N, C-alpha and C. Protein backbone atom coordinates (compact mmCIF):
# COMPACT_ATOMS: atom_id res chain seq x y z
N MET A 1 -63.99 58.27 -19.86
CA MET A 1 -64.99 58.02 -21.37
C MET A 1 -64.39 56.73 -21.31
N LEU A 2 -65.99 56.60 -21.85
CA LEU A 2 -66.16 54.65 -22.12
C LEU A 2 -65.56 54.65 -23.11
N ARG A 3 -64.37 53.31 -23.14
CA ARG A 3 -63.49 52.89 -24.26
C ARG A 3 -64.98 53.05 -25.44
N GLN A 4 -65.52 52.46 -25.69
CA GLN A 4 -66.24 52.43 -26.85
C GLN A 4 -66.92 53.71 -27.72
N HIS A 5 -66.84 54.72 -26.79
CA HIS A 5 -67.13 56.36 -27.18
C HIS A 5 -66.12 56.64 -28.26
N ARG A 6 -64.84 56.19 -27.15
CA ARG A 6 -63.52 56.62 -27.56
C ARG A 6 -63.10 56.05 -29.23
N SER A 7 -63.26 55.07 -29.14
CA SER A 7 -63.35 54.02 -30.72
C SER A 7 -64.30 54.36 -31.61
N ASP A 8 -64.77 54.66 -31.70
CA ASP A 8 -66.20 55.56 -32.09
C ASP A 8 -65.71 56.67 -32.52
N LEU A 9 -65.31 57.72 -31.93
CA LEU A 9 -64.92 58.86 -31.95
C LEU A 9 -63.51 58.80 -33.25
N GLU A 10 -62.51 57.90 -32.81
CA GLU A 10 -61.37 57.58 -33.96
C GLU A 10 -61.65 56.69 -35.19
N ARG A 11 -63.33 56.29 -35.27
CA ARG A 11 -63.41 55.78 -36.20
C ARG A 11 -63.75 56.92 -37.52
N LEU A 12 -64.29 57.74 -36.92
CA LEU A 12 -65.51 59.11 -36.97
C LEU A 12 -64.26 59.90 -37.52
N VAL A 13 -63.57 60.38 -36.92
CA VAL A 13 -62.09 60.53 -37.45
C VAL A 13 -61.45 60.11 -38.61
N GLN A 14 -61.25 59.63 -38.79
CA GLN A 14 -60.95 58.32 -40.07
C GLN A 14 -61.45 58.74 -41.43
N THR A 15 -63.47 57.90 -40.71
CA THR A 15 -63.83 59.12 -42.20
C THR A 15 -64.00 60.30 -42.41
N LEU A 16 -63.36 61.28 -41.59
CA LEU A 16 -63.62 61.95 -41.98
C LEU A 16 -62.54 62.51 -42.64
N GLU A 17 -61.32 62.07 -42.77
CA GLU A 17 -59.88 62.35 -43.08
C GLU A 17 -60.28 61.41 -44.55
N ARG A 18 -61.08 60.42 -44.81
CA ARG A 18 -61.08 59.72 -46.43
C ARG A 18 -62.13 61.02 -47.08
N GLU A 19 -63.08 61.51 -46.44
CA GLU A 19 -63.87 62.82 -47.01
C GLU A 19 -63.55 64.18 -47.33
N ASP A 20 -62.35 64.15 -46.82
CA ASP A 20 -61.63 65.06 -46.78
C ASP A 20 -60.00 65.30 -46.58
N PRO A 21 -59.21 64.86 -46.83
CA PRO A 21 -57.82 64.48 -46.10
C PRO A 21 -57.69 66.06 -46.01
N LYS A 22 -57.85 67.33 -46.76
CA LYS A 22 -57.08 68.76 -46.90
C LYS A 22 -58.50 69.61 -45.15
N ARG A 23 -59.03 68.54 -45.06
CA ARG A 23 -59.72 69.35 -43.48
C ARG A 23 -58.78 69.53 -42.29
N SER A 24 -59.03 70.58 -41.94
CA SER A 24 -58.03 70.80 -40.74
C SER A 24 -58.40 69.90 -38.90
N ALA A 25 -57.47 70.08 -38.60
CA ALA A 25 -57.67 69.75 -37.81
C ALA A 25 -58.55 69.94 -36.36
N ALA A 26 -58.75 71.09 -36.21
CA ALA A 26 -60.10 72.17 -35.69
C ALA A 26 -61.16 71.52 -36.26
N ALA A 27 -61.35 71.72 -37.71
CA ALA A 27 -62.26 71.64 -38.69
C ALA A 27 -63.17 69.92 -38.16
N VAL A 28 -62.23 69.27 -38.38
CA VAL A 28 -62.53 67.55 -37.90
C VAL A 28 -62.93 67.61 -36.40
N GLU A 29 -62.41 68.64 -35.42
CA GLU A 29 -62.75 68.51 -33.78
C GLU A 29 -64.22 69.11 -33.86
N LYS A 30 -64.20 69.87 -34.56
CA LYS A 30 -65.99 70.48 -34.39
C LYS A 30 -66.66 69.60 -35.34
N GLU A 31 -66.56 69.02 -35.85
CA GLU A 31 -67.61 68.22 -36.70
C GLU A 31 -67.61 67.21 -35.91
N LEU A 32 -67.33 66.42 -34.75
CA LEU A 32 -67.14 65.30 -34.17
C LEU A 32 -68.24 65.72 -32.83
N GLY A 33 -68.01 67.05 -32.80
CA GLY A 33 -69.47 67.13 -31.97
C GLY A 33 -70.63 67.32 -32.35
N VAL A 34 -70.85 67.64 -33.73
CA VAL A 34 -71.88 67.59 -35.03
C VAL A 34 -72.62 66.16 -34.91
N ARG A 35 -71.42 65.15 -35.27
CA ARG A 35 -71.62 64.09 -35.92
C ARG A 35 -72.08 62.93 -34.95
N SER A 36 -71.46 63.45 -33.57
CA SER A 36 -71.74 62.35 -32.67
C SER A 36 -71.52 62.99 -31.21
N PRO A 37 -72.51 64.04 -30.91
CA PRO A 37 -72.66 64.77 -29.52
C PRO A 37 -72.20 64.24 -28.27
N VAL A 38 -72.53 62.65 -28.00
CA VAL A 38 -72.49 61.98 -26.68
C VAL A 38 -71.05 61.90 -26.67
N ALA A 39 -70.64 60.86 -27.27
CA ALA A 39 -69.18 60.61 -27.41
C ALA A 39 -68.23 61.43 -27.08
N TYR A 40 -68.71 62.74 -27.65
CA TYR A 40 -67.96 64.37 -27.85
C TYR A 40 -67.83 64.62 -26.87
N GLY A 41 -69.03 65.03 -26.57
CA GLY A 41 -69.53 65.83 -24.83
C GLY A 41 -68.63 64.71 -23.68
N GLU A 42 -68.21 63.51 -23.82
CA GLU A 42 -67.55 62.80 -22.82
C GLU A 42 -66.30 62.86 -23.37
N TRP A 43 -65.60 62.71 -24.25
CA TRP A 43 -64.27 63.26 -24.43
C TRP A 43 -64.04 64.75 -23.95
N ALA A 44 -64.85 65.67 -24.65
CA ALA A 44 -64.79 67.49 -24.54
C ALA A 44 -64.07 67.26 -22.76
N GLU A 45 -65.45 66.89 -21.59
CA GLU A 45 -65.53 66.78 -20.33
C GLU A 45 -64.29 66.26 -20.06
N GLU A 46 -63.74 65.10 -20.29
CA GLU A 46 -62.62 64.22 -19.72
C GLU A 46 -61.30 65.31 -20.53
N THR A 47 -61.15 65.91 -21.94
CA THR A 47 -60.11 66.65 -21.98
C THR A 47 -60.48 67.97 -22.30
N PRO A 48 -60.64 68.42 -21.74
CA PRO A 48 -60.93 70.05 -21.36
C PRO A 48 -60.51 70.82 -22.60
N ASN A 49 -58.80 70.92 -22.33
CA ASN A 49 -58.04 71.54 -23.29
C ASN A 49 -57.91 71.22 -25.00
N LEU A 50 -58.28 72.61 -25.36
CA LEU A 50 -58.97 72.00 -26.87
C LEU A 50 -57.25 71.93 -27.44
N ARG A 51 -56.13 72.02 -26.89
CA ARG A 51 -55.29 71.79 -27.77
C ARG A 51 -54.74 69.92 -27.66
N SER A 52 -55.09 69.88 -26.55
CA SER A 52 -54.95 68.26 -26.17
C SER A 52 -55.93 67.77 -27.12
N ARG A 53 -56.85 68.18 -27.43
CA ARG A 53 -58.19 67.52 -28.12
C ARG A 53 -57.50 67.66 -29.54
N LEU A 54 -56.83 68.68 -29.99
CA LEU A 54 -56.54 68.93 -31.58
C LEU A 54 -55.75 67.70 -31.57
N ARG A 55 -54.71 67.47 -31.06
CA ARG A 55 -53.24 66.80 -31.07
C ARG A 55 -53.94 65.14 -31.03
N ALA A 56 -55.17 64.18 -30.52
CA ALA A 56 -55.85 63.65 -30.16
C ALA A 56 -55.93 63.66 -31.41
N VAL A 57 -56.50 64.28 -32.10
CA VAL A 57 -57.17 64.10 -33.57
C VAL A 57 -56.34 64.00 -34.66
N GLN A 58 -55.22 65.03 -34.53
CA GLN A 58 -53.98 64.32 -35.75
C GLN A 58 -53.02 63.16 -35.24
N ARG A 59 -53.35 62.15 -34.34
CA ARG A 59 -53.01 60.94 -33.86
C ARG A 59 -53.81 60.09 -34.40
N TRP A 60 -54.97 61.05 -34.44
CA TRP A 60 -56.39 59.44 -34.84
C TRP A 60 -56.22 59.19 -36.66
N ARG A 61 -56.08 60.91 -36.93
CA ARG A 61 -56.19 60.63 -38.37
C ARG A 61 -54.90 60.14 -39.32
N SER A 62 -54.18 59.79 -38.54
CA SER A 62 -52.96 59.23 -39.25
C SER A 62 -52.44 58.21 -38.85
N GLY A 63 -53.58 57.28 -37.75
CA GLY A 63 -53.78 55.94 -38.16
C GLY A 63 -52.76 55.89 -36.11
N SER A 64 -52.13 56.84 -35.70
CA SER A 64 -51.26 56.39 -34.95
C SER A 64 -51.94 56.55 -33.75
N ARG A 65 -51.61 55.89 -32.55
CA ARG A 65 -51.74 55.64 -31.50
C ARG A 65 -51.08 56.05 -30.01
N GLY A 66 -51.04 57.41 -29.65
CA GLY A 66 -49.72 57.81 -28.54
C GLY A 66 -48.42 57.66 -29.19
N ARG A 67 -47.55 57.68 -28.57
CA ARG A 67 -45.91 57.82 -28.47
C ARG A 67 -45.30 56.64 -29.20
N GLY A 68 -45.22 56.89 -30.70
CA GLY A 68 -44.35 56.17 -31.93
C GLY A 68 -45.46 55.40 -32.45
N GLY A 69 -46.75 55.87 -32.37
CA GLY A 69 -47.54 55.57 -33.43
C GLY A 69 -47.54 53.48 -33.30
N LEU A 70 -48.24 53.42 -34.74
CA LEU A 70 -48.56 52.04 -34.81
C LEU A 70 -47.58 51.35 -35.68
N SER A 71 -47.29 50.06 -35.90
CA SER A 71 -46.10 49.72 -36.74
C SER A 71 -46.26 49.95 -38.38
N GLY A 72 -44.89 49.54 -38.89
CA GLY A 72 -45.46 49.90 -40.51
C GLY A 72 -46.78 48.84 -40.59
N HIS A 73 -47.36 47.92 -39.95
CA HIS A 73 -48.47 47.36 -41.13
C HIS A 73 -49.53 48.48 -40.55
N GLY A 74 -49.55 49.64 -39.69
CA GLY A 74 -50.63 50.34 -39.69
C GLY A 74 -50.96 50.81 -40.77
N GLN A 75 -52.74 51.29 -40.66
CA GLN A 75 -53.44 51.48 -42.08
C GLN A 75 -54.04 52.90 -40.67
N LEU A 76 -54.56 53.48 -42.19
CA LEU A 76 -55.38 55.13 -41.63
C LEU A 76 -57.01 54.38 -41.45
N PHE A 77 -57.56 53.30 -41.66
CA PHE A 77 -58.71 52.83 -41.16
C PHE A 77 -58.63 51.59 -41.70
N PRO A 78 -59.79 50.53 -40.80
CA PRO A 78 -60.13 49.24 -41.17
C PRO A 78 -60.34 49.00 -43.13
N TYR A 79 -59.34 48.36 -43.57
CA TYR A 79 -59.35 48.31 -45.02
C TYR A 79 -60.35 47.29 -45.24
N VAL A 80 -60.18 45.86 -43.70
CA VAL A 80 -60.89 45.17 -44.33
C VAL A 80 -61.33 44.90 -42.72
N TRP A 81 -62.56 43.69 -42.54
CA TRP A 81 -63.04 43.81 -41.13
C TRP A 81 -64.03 42.47 -41.80
N PRO A 82 -64.02 41.62 -40.44
CA PRO A 82 -64.32 40.49 -40.28
C PRO A 82 -66.36 40.76 -40.47
N VAL A 83 -66.81 39.90 -41.12
CA VAL A 83 -68.57 39.64 -40.89
C VAL A 83 -68.94 38.66 -40.92
N GLY A 84 -70.44 38.27 -40.39
CA GLY A 84 -70.89 37.44 -40.61
C GLY A 84 -71.83 37.39 -41.84
N GLU A 85 -72.77 36.21 -41.74
CA GLU A 85 -73.51 35.90 -43.18
C GLU A 85 -74.60 37.17 -43.40
N ARG A 86 -75.11 37.84 -41.78
CA ARG A 86 -76.09 38.48 -42.08
C ARG A 86 -75.87 39.86 -42.51
N GLN A 87 -74.60 40.33 -42.11
CA GLN A 87 -74.22 41.58 -42.28
C GLN A 87 -73.53 41.39 -43.54
N ARG A 88 -73.34 40.28 -44.50
CA ARG A 88 -72.61 40.30 -45.56
C ARG A 88 -73.90 40.32 -46.33
N LYS A 89 -75.13 40.20 -46.30
CA LYS A 89 -76.28 40.07 -46.93
C LYS A 89 -76.87 41.02 -46.83
N GLU A 90 -76.20 42.28 -45.98
CA GLU A 90 -76.58 43.87 -46.03
C GLU A 90 -76.17 44.14 -46.94
N VAL A 91 -74.77 44.27 -47.42
CA VAL A 91 -73.91 44.31 -48.30
C VAL A 91 -74.52 43.35 -49.86
N GLU A 92 -74.50 42.62 -49.71
CA GLU A 92 -74.98 42.02 -51.14
C GLU A 92 -76.38 41.19 -50.98
N PRO A 93 -76.87 42.00 -51.52
CA PRO A 93 -78.54 41.30 -51.38
C PRO A 93 -78.81 39.69 -51.75
N GLU A 94 -77.91 39.45 -52.98
CA GLU A 94 -77.92 38.39 -53.83
C GLU A 94 -77.29 37.60 -52.60
N PHE A 95 -76.48 38.07 -51.76
CA PHE A 95 -75.77 36.20 -50.96
C PHE A 95 -76.78 35.29 -50.23
N ALA A 96 -77.11 34.26 -50.38
CA ALA A 96 -77.49 33.16 -50.31
C ALA A 96 -77.42 33.15 -48.14
N ALA A 97 -77.66 33.90 -47.39
CA ALA A 97 -77.76 33.48 -46.19
C ALA A 97 -78.19 32.45 -45.34
N SER A 98 -77.46 31.74 -44.14
CA SER A 98 -78.01 30.02 -44.03
C SER A 98 -79.51 30.52 -43.38
N PRO A 99 -80.39 29.80 -43.19
CA PRO A 99 -81.54 30.02 -43.03
C PRO A 99 -81.82 29.31 -41.20
N VAL A 100 -80.24 29.04 -40.84
CA VAL A 100 -80.39 28.85 -39.09
C VAL A 100 -80.79 30.33 -38.63
N LEU A 101 -81.70 30.72 -37.66
CA LEU A 101 -81.12 31.41 -36.40
C LEU A 101 -80.42 31.10 -35.69
N ALA A 102 -79.50 31.94 -35.31
CA ALA A 102 -78.18 32.73 -34.13
C ALA A 102 -77.93 34.06 -34.26
N THR A 103 -77.47 33.98 -32.95
CA THR A 103 -76.96 35.28 -32.46
C THR A 103 -75.69 35.73 -33.04
N GLY A 104 -75.03 35.05 -34.02
CA GLY A 104 -73.82 35.10 -33.89
C GLY A 104 -73.75 34.51 -36.00
N SER A 105 -73.24 34.51 -36.78
CA SER A 105 -72.85 33.32 -37.56
C SER A 105 -71.64 32.15 -37.66
N TRP A 106 -72.53 31.28 -38.25
CA TRP A 106 -71.46 30.27 -38.68
C TRP A 106 -70.25 30.02 -39.14
N ARG A 107 -70.18 31.04 -40.11
CA ARG A 107 -69.71 31.54 -41.84
C ARG A 107 -69.44 33.28 -41.52
N VAL A 108 -67.84 33.17 -41.45
CA VAL A 108 -67.27 34.16 -41.03
C VAL A 108 -66.54 34.98 -42.80
N PHE A 109 -66.35 35.77 -42.98
CA PHE A 109 -66.03 36.68 -44.44
C PHE A 109 -65.28 37.62 -43.96
N LEU A 110 -64.07 38.02 -44.74
CA LEU A 110 -63.34 39.63 -44.69
C LEU A 110 -64.08 40.35 -45.77
N TYR A 111 -64.27 42.06 -45.15
CA TYR A 111 -64.87 42.90 -46.08
C TYR A 111 -64.24 43.50 -46.19
N ASN A 112 -63.93 43.55 -47.84
CA ASN A 112 -63.13 44.76 -48.06
C ASN A 112 -64.09 46.48 -48.03
N CYS A 113 -63.78 47.08 -47.24
CA CYS A 113 -64.77 48.32 -46.85
C CYS A 113 -63.59 49.58 -47.01
N SER A 114 -63.28 49.41 -48.18
CA SER A 114 -62.22 50.37 -48.38
C SER A 114 -62.45 50.54 -49.63
N PRO A 115 -62.08 51.84 -50.11
CA PRO A 115 -62.03 52.33 -51.31
C PRO A 115 -61.21 51.94 -52.55
N GLU A 116 -60.22 50.69 -52.07
CA GLU A 116 -59.03 50.39 -53.33
C GLU A 116 -59.01 48.76 -53.06
N VAL A 117 -58.72 48.12 -53.96
CA VAL A 117 -58.15 47.32 -54.10
C VAL A 117 -57.45 46.42 -53.07
N VAL A 118 -57.83 45.72 -52.33
CA VAL A 118 -56.48 45.01 -51.51
C VAL A 118 -55.87 43.64 -51.73
N ARG A 119 -54.86 43.73 -52.00
CA ARG A 119 -54.34 42.42 -52.82
C ARG A 119 -53.09 41.56 -51.91
N ASP A 120 -53.09 40.16 -52.58
CA ASP A 120 -51.97 39.62 -51.62
C ASP A 120 -52.32 39.52 -50.04
N VAL A 121 -53.98 39.14 -49.86
CA VAL A 121 -54.22 39.16 -48.73
C VAL A 121 -54.43 37.27 -48.45
N ARG A 122 -53.23 36.89 -46.90
CA ARG A 122 -52.97 35.77 -46.14
C ARG A 122 -53.93 35.98 -44.84
N VAL A 123 -54.70 34.89 -44.55
CA VAL A 123 -55.62 34.82 -43.24
C VAL A 123 -55.03 33.69 -42.59
N LEU A 124 -54.44 34.04 -41.51
CA LEU A 124 -54.23 34.03 -40.83
C LEU A 124 -54.98 33.21 -39.17
N LEU A 125 -55.70 32.58 -38.38
CA LEU A 125 -56.61 31.76 -37.57
C LEU A 125 -56.04 31.18 -36.12
N ASP A 126 -55.58 31.27 -35.32
CA ASP A 126 -54.52 30.82 -34.38
C ASP A 126 -53.26 30.40 -34.27
N ASP A 127 -52.68 31.71 -35.49
CA ASP A 127 -51.21 31.64 -36.02
C ASP A 127 -51.33 30.10 -37.15
N SER A 128 -52.73 29.60 -37.79
CA SER A 128 -52.67 28.96 -38.93
C SER A 128 -52.66 29.77 -39.89
N GLU A 129 -52.00 29.38 -41.00
CA GLU A 129 -52.56 30.03 -42.43
C GLU A 129 -53.59 29.20 -43.13
N ILE A 130 -54.54 30.07 -43.13
CA ILE A 130 -56.10 28.93 -43.78
C ILE A 130 -56.33 29.58 -44.89
N ASP A 131 -55.89 30.52 -45.36
CA ASP A 131 -56.76 31.00 -46.49
C ASP A 131 -55.99 32.56 -47.27
N TYR A 132 -55.87 32.35 -48.45
CA TYR A 132 -55.37 33.18 -49.52
C TYR A 132 -55.97 33.69 -50.50
N ALA A 133 -55.93 34.78 -50.67
CA ALA A 133 -56.56 35.31 -52.13
C ALA A 133 -55.82 36.56 -52.61
N PRO A 134 -55.76 36.62 -53.97
CA PRO A 134 -54.41 37.41 -54.41
C PRO A 134 -55.13 38.70 -54.41
N SER A 135 -56.23 39.11 -54.53
CA SER A 135 -56.79 40.68 -54.30
C SER A 135 -58.39 40.14 -53.95
N VAL A 136 -59.01 41.29 -53.01
CA VAL A 136 -60.54 41.64 -52.90
C VAL A 136 -60.83 42.73 -53.25
N MET A 137 -61.30 42.36 -54.71
CA MET A 137 -62.55 43.96 -55.05
C MET A 137 -63.07 45.05 -53.74
N VAL A 138 -63.20 45.94 -54.01
CA VAL A 138 -64.06 46.59 -53.24
C VAL A 138 -65.44 46.42 -53.36
N GLY A 139 -65.77 46.15 -51.68
CA GLY A 139 -67.35 46.07 -51.56
C GLY A 139 -67.07 44.83 -51.64
N ARG A 140 -65.75 43.55 -51.80
CA ARG A 140 -66.42 41.85 -52.11
C ARG A 140 -66.17 41.73 -50.63
N PHE A 141 -66.07 39.93 -50.72
CA PHE A 141 -65.71 39.30 -49.59
C PHE A 141 -64.96 37.86 -50.08
N VAL A 142 -64.01 37.92 -48.89
CA VAL A 142 -63.35 36.25 -48.93
C VAL A 142 -63.82 35.49 -47.56
N GLU A 143 -63.84 34.55 -47.47
CA GLU A 143 -64.76 33.85 -46.75
C GLU A 143 -62.73 33.28 -45.97
N VAL A 144 -63.70 33.41 -44.18
CA VAL A 144 -62.16 32.78 -43.49
C VAL A 144 -62.90 31.17 -43.09
N HIS A 145 -62.13 30.22 -43.50
CA HIS A 145 -62.30 28.94 -43.42
C HIS A 145 -61.82 28.55 -42.33
N TRP A 146 -62.57 28.53 -41.49
CA TRP A 146 -62.09 28.01 -39.56
C TRP A 146 -61.83 26.56 -39.85
N GLN A 147 -63.46 25.66 -40.24
CA GLN A 147 -63.01 24.42 -40.25
C GLN A 147 -61.52 23.76 -40.21
N LYS A 148 -60.47 24.66 -40.93
CA LYS A 148 -59.19 23.94 -41.40
C LYS A 148 -58.72 23.61 -40.29
N VAL A 149 -58.95 24.60 -39.39
CA VAL A 149 -57.95 24.64 -37.96
C VAL A 149 -58.49 23.04 -37.27
N GLU A 150 -57.50 22.50 -36.68
CA GLU A 150 -58.00 21.31 -36.71
C GLU A 150 -58.88 21.32 -35.03
N ALA A 151 -57.97 21.78 -34.51
CA ALA A 151 -58.26 22.21 -32.56
C ALA A 151 -59.50 22.59 -32.62
N ILE A 152 -59.46 23.77 -33.68
CA ILE A 152 -61.32 24.33 -33.46
C ILE A 152 -62.34 24.13 -34.25
N LYS A 153 -62.09 23.16 -34.98
CA LYS A 153 -62.90 21.77 -35.70
C LYS A 153 -63.85 21.35 -34.14
N ALA A 154 -62.32 20.03 -33.60
CA ALA A 154 -62.51 19.28 -32.74
C ALA A 154 -63.00 19.79 -31.89
N ALA A 155 -62.57 20.98 -30.94
CA ALA A 155 -63.16 21.47 -29.99
C ALA A 155 -65.09 22.19 -30.18
N PHE A 156 -65.03 22.38 -31.37
CA PHE A 156 -66.60 22.63 -31.54
C PHE A 156 -67.04 21.46 -31.85
N GLN A 157 -66.71 20.33 -32.29
CA GLN A 157 -67.04 19.05 -32.76
C GLN A 157 -67.83 18.18 -31.17
N MET A 158 -66.49 18.59 -30.15
CA MET A 158 -66.50 17.33 -29.17
C MET A 158 -67.48 18.52 -28.09
N GLN A 159 -67.18 19.75 -28.32
CA GLN A 159 -67.96 20.57 -27.27
C GLN A 159 -67.03 20.76 -26.22
N VAL A 160 -66.04 20.32 -26.21
CA VAL A 160 -65.14 20.38 -24.85
C VAL A 160 -64.54 21.72 -23.76
N GLY A 161 -64.72 21.60 -22.85
CA GLY A 161 -64.41 22.84 -22.27
C GLY A 161 -65.49 23.87 -22.23
N SER A 162 -65.15 25.53 -21.70
CA SER A 162 -66.29 26.27 -22.31
C SER A 162 -66.64 25.80 -23.40
N PRO A 163 -67.90 27.02 -23.60
CA PRO A 163 -68.71 27.04 -24.90
C PRO A 163 -68.61 28.39 -25.24
N VAL A 164 -67.78 29.11 -24.60
CA VAL A 164 -67.11 30.00 -25.68
C VAL A 164 -65.40 30.45 -25.45
N SER A 165 -64.69 30.62 -26.57
CA SER A 165 -63.50 30.94 -27.03
C SER A 165 -63.14 31.82 -27.74
N GLN A 166 -61.62 32.11 -27.54
CA GLN A 166 -60.96 33.41 -28.30
C GLN A 166 -60.26 32.55 -29.39
N HIS A 167 -60.03 32.88 -30.40
CA HIS A 167 -59.42 32.59 -31.54
C HIS A 167 -58.69 33.79 -32.21
N ARG A 168 -57.43 34.03 -32.34
CA ARG A 168 -56.18 34.99 -32.60
C ARG A 168 -56.60 34.94 -34.37
N LEU A 169 -57.41 35.96 -34.93
CA LEU A 169 -57.33 36.58 -36.15
C LEU A 169 -56.63 37.43 -37.15
N GLN A 170 -55.17 37.01 -37.66
CA GLN A 170 -54.60 37.93 -38.52
C GLN A 170 -54.89 37.99 -40.00
N ALA A 171 -55.03 39.12 -40.87
CA ALA A 171 -54.92 38.81 -41.96
C ALA A 171 -54.03 40.35 -42.33
N GLU A 172 -52.67 39.48 -43.43
CA GLU A 172 -52.08 40.38 -44.25
C GLU A 172 -52.51 40.70 -44.89
N PHE A 173 -52.18 42.16 -45.87
CA PHE A 173 -52.47 41.97 -47.28
C PHE A 173 -51.59 43.69 -47.77
N VAL A 174 -51.46 44.01 -48.44
CA VAL A 174 -50.74 44.98 -49.31
C VAL A 174 -51.91 46.01 -50.45
N ILE A 175 -51.39 47.28 -49.99
CA ILE A 175 -52.41 48.27 -50.19
C ILE A 175 -51.45 49.10 -51.28
N ALA A 176 -52.39 50.49 -52.01
CA ALA A 176 -52.02 51.76 -52.43
C ALA A 176 -51.03 50.50 -53.70
N ARG A 177 -51.73 49.73 -54.31
CA ARG A 177 -51.05 49.10 -55.62
C ARG A 177 -50.23 48.37 -55.44
N GLY A 178 -50.02 47.60 -53.85
CA GLY A 178 -48.88 46.44 -53.85
C GLY A 178 -47.66 47.57 -52.85
N THR A 179 -47.98 49.28 -53.24
CA THR A 179 -47.05 49.29 -52.20
C THR A 179 -46.47 49.20 -51.21
N LYS A 180 -47.58 49.28 -50.03
CA LYS A 180 -48.06 49.30 -48.38
C LYS A 180 -48.71 48.24 -48.34
N ALA A 181 -47.72 47.71 -46.81
CA ALA A 181 -48.33 46.82 -46.34
C ALA A 181 -49.42 46.68 -45.09
N ALA A 182 -50.20 45.90 -44.45
CA ALA A 182 -51.55 46.32 -43.70
C ALA A 182 -51.90 45.57 -43.48
N ARG A 183 -52.43 45.44 -41.93
CA ARG A 183 -53.12 44.21 -41.44
C ARG A 183 -54.19 44.46 -40.36
N VAL A 184 -55.08 43.22 -40.47
CA VAL A 184 -56.07 43.38 -39.15
C VAL A 184 -55.62 42.39 -38.26
N LEU A 185 -55.97 42.87 -36.82
CA LEU A 185 -55.15 41.58 -36.00
C LEU A 185 -56.16 41.83 -34.80
N GLY A 186 -56.86 40.63 -34.59
CA GLY A 186 -57.77 40.63 -33.41
C GLY A 186 -58.27 39.45 -32.49
N GLN A 187 -58.88 39.00 -32.03
CA GLN A 187 -59.79 38.66 -31.07
C GLN A 187 -60.93 37.70 -31.49
N LEU A 188 -61.18 36.78 -32.82
CA LEU A 188 -62.83 36.61 -32.55
C LEU A 188 -63.00 35.47 -31.84
N THR A 189 -64.54 35.89 -31.00
CA THR A 189 -65.03 34.96 -30.17
C THR A 189 -65.87 34.01 -30.85
N LEU A 190 -65.92 32.83 -30.33
CA LEU A 190 -66.69 31.69 -31.02
C LEU A 190 -67.45 30.79 -30.00
N ASP A 191 -68.52 30.90 -29.88
CA ASP A 191 -69.85 30.47 -29.18
C ASP A 191 -69.91 28.75 -29.62
N THR A 192 -70.34 28.24 -29.28
CA THR A 192 -70.39 26.64 -29.56
C THR A 192 -72.12 26.68 -30.68
N ASN A 193 -72.73 27.74 -29.49
CA ASN A 193 -73.99 27.40 -29.85
C ASN A 193 -74.30 28.74 -30.46
N GLN A 194 -74.04 29.62 -30.82
CA GLN A 194 -74.34 30.48 -31.68
C GLN A 194 -73.09 31.12 -32.65
N GLY A 195 -72.42 30.61 -32.75
CA GLY A 195 -71.09 31.08 -33.64
C GLY A 195 -70.62 31.98 -33.67
N TRP A 196 -69.75 32.57 -34.41
CA TRP A 196 -68.86 33.69 -34.08
C TRP A 196 -69.74 34.81 -33.56
N VAL A 197 -69.55 34.97 -32.19
CA VAL A 197 -70.21 36.37 -32.17
C VAL A 197 -69.35 37.96 -31.90
N HIS A 198 -68.40 38.03 -31.99
CA HIS A 198 -67.56 39.61 -32.01
C HIS A 198 -66.26 39.41 -32.45
N PHE A 199 -65.79 40.31 -32.62
CA PHE A 199 -64.29 40.55 -32.80
C PHE A 199 -63.85 41.87 -32.41
N ALA A 200 -62.54 42.05 -31.65
CA ALA A 200 -61.87 42.87 -30.94
C ALA A 200 -61.01 43.16 -32.28
N SER A 201 -60.68 44.11 -32.10
CA SER A 201 -59.26 44.32 -33.35
C SER A 201 -58.37 44.99 -32.43
N GLN A 202 -57.11 44.19 -32.17
CA GLN A 202 -56.20 44.84 -31.34
C GLN A 202 -56.32 46.41 -31.35
N ASP A 203 -56.37 47.04 -31.75
CA ASP A 203 -55.80 48.74 -32.33
C ASP A 203 -57.24 49.25 -31.00
N GLY A 204 -58.26 48.78 -30.31
CA GLY A 204 -59.09 48.70 -30.07
C GLY A 204 -60.53 49.19 -30.86
N ARG A 205 -60.49 48.99 -31.73
CA ARG A 205 -61.84 48.60 -32.28
C ARG A 205 -62.87 47.09 -32.08
N GLN A 206 -63.62 47.39 -32.02
CA GLN A 206 -64.67 46.21 -31.83
C GLN A 206 -66.39 46.19 -32.34
N ARG A 207 -66.37 45.14 -32.84
CA ARG A 207 -67.88 44.92 -33.41
C ARG A 207 -68.29 43.47 -33.08
N GLU A 208 -70.23 43.06 -33.19
CA GLU A 208 -70.67 42.08 -32.72
C GLU A 208 -70.42 41.38 -34.51
N LEU A 209 -70.45 40.32 -34.90
CA LEU A 209 -70.92 39.67 -35.87
C LEU A 209 -72.39 38.92 -35.76
N GLU A 210 -72.98 39.13 -37.12
CA GLU A 210 -74.39 38.70 -36.88
C GLU A 210 -74.19 38.02 -38.46
């Protein structure tokens, strides 16, 4: 089974959980076949035992991944997610995106895609804390000022080494009215010709930046 299809199923389970937390694992498993038949078909072929699929659904809906689950920073679904300029404009039409055409984006934003305000947001890039926001409202954004990391800025300006490099992005924040800690952690890909082009989260989720 393709890793991307498995990630898509996990995200879909968490979406269904948000829509109706009381839905049974069996109902969720059945709905996967309706909403994502290709990924579900591969998964069902790889995991023919229904009970095994239901156990996977229970892990995914609780945010766990195998034995032990996630750390105390785990969350049910991505509360914040990095996006590029064009992706921000899709959500916020009044946003003035750069007219420069590129595959990726020269600016990176964290988008609060959750149903609640996230608070005490601290953003680190390559283990350097670069941004802080006391809160990010639902459907709003905070910019990741990568130019503050001198090593990235210098490599970009001088175009030293490979044109493509990986950089560790970490966003720490609190949810549930400040009672629970959560985070997003993964690798941002920078192409010195096209900008920031991809984000791969440590938990397996990944998306292009545009």
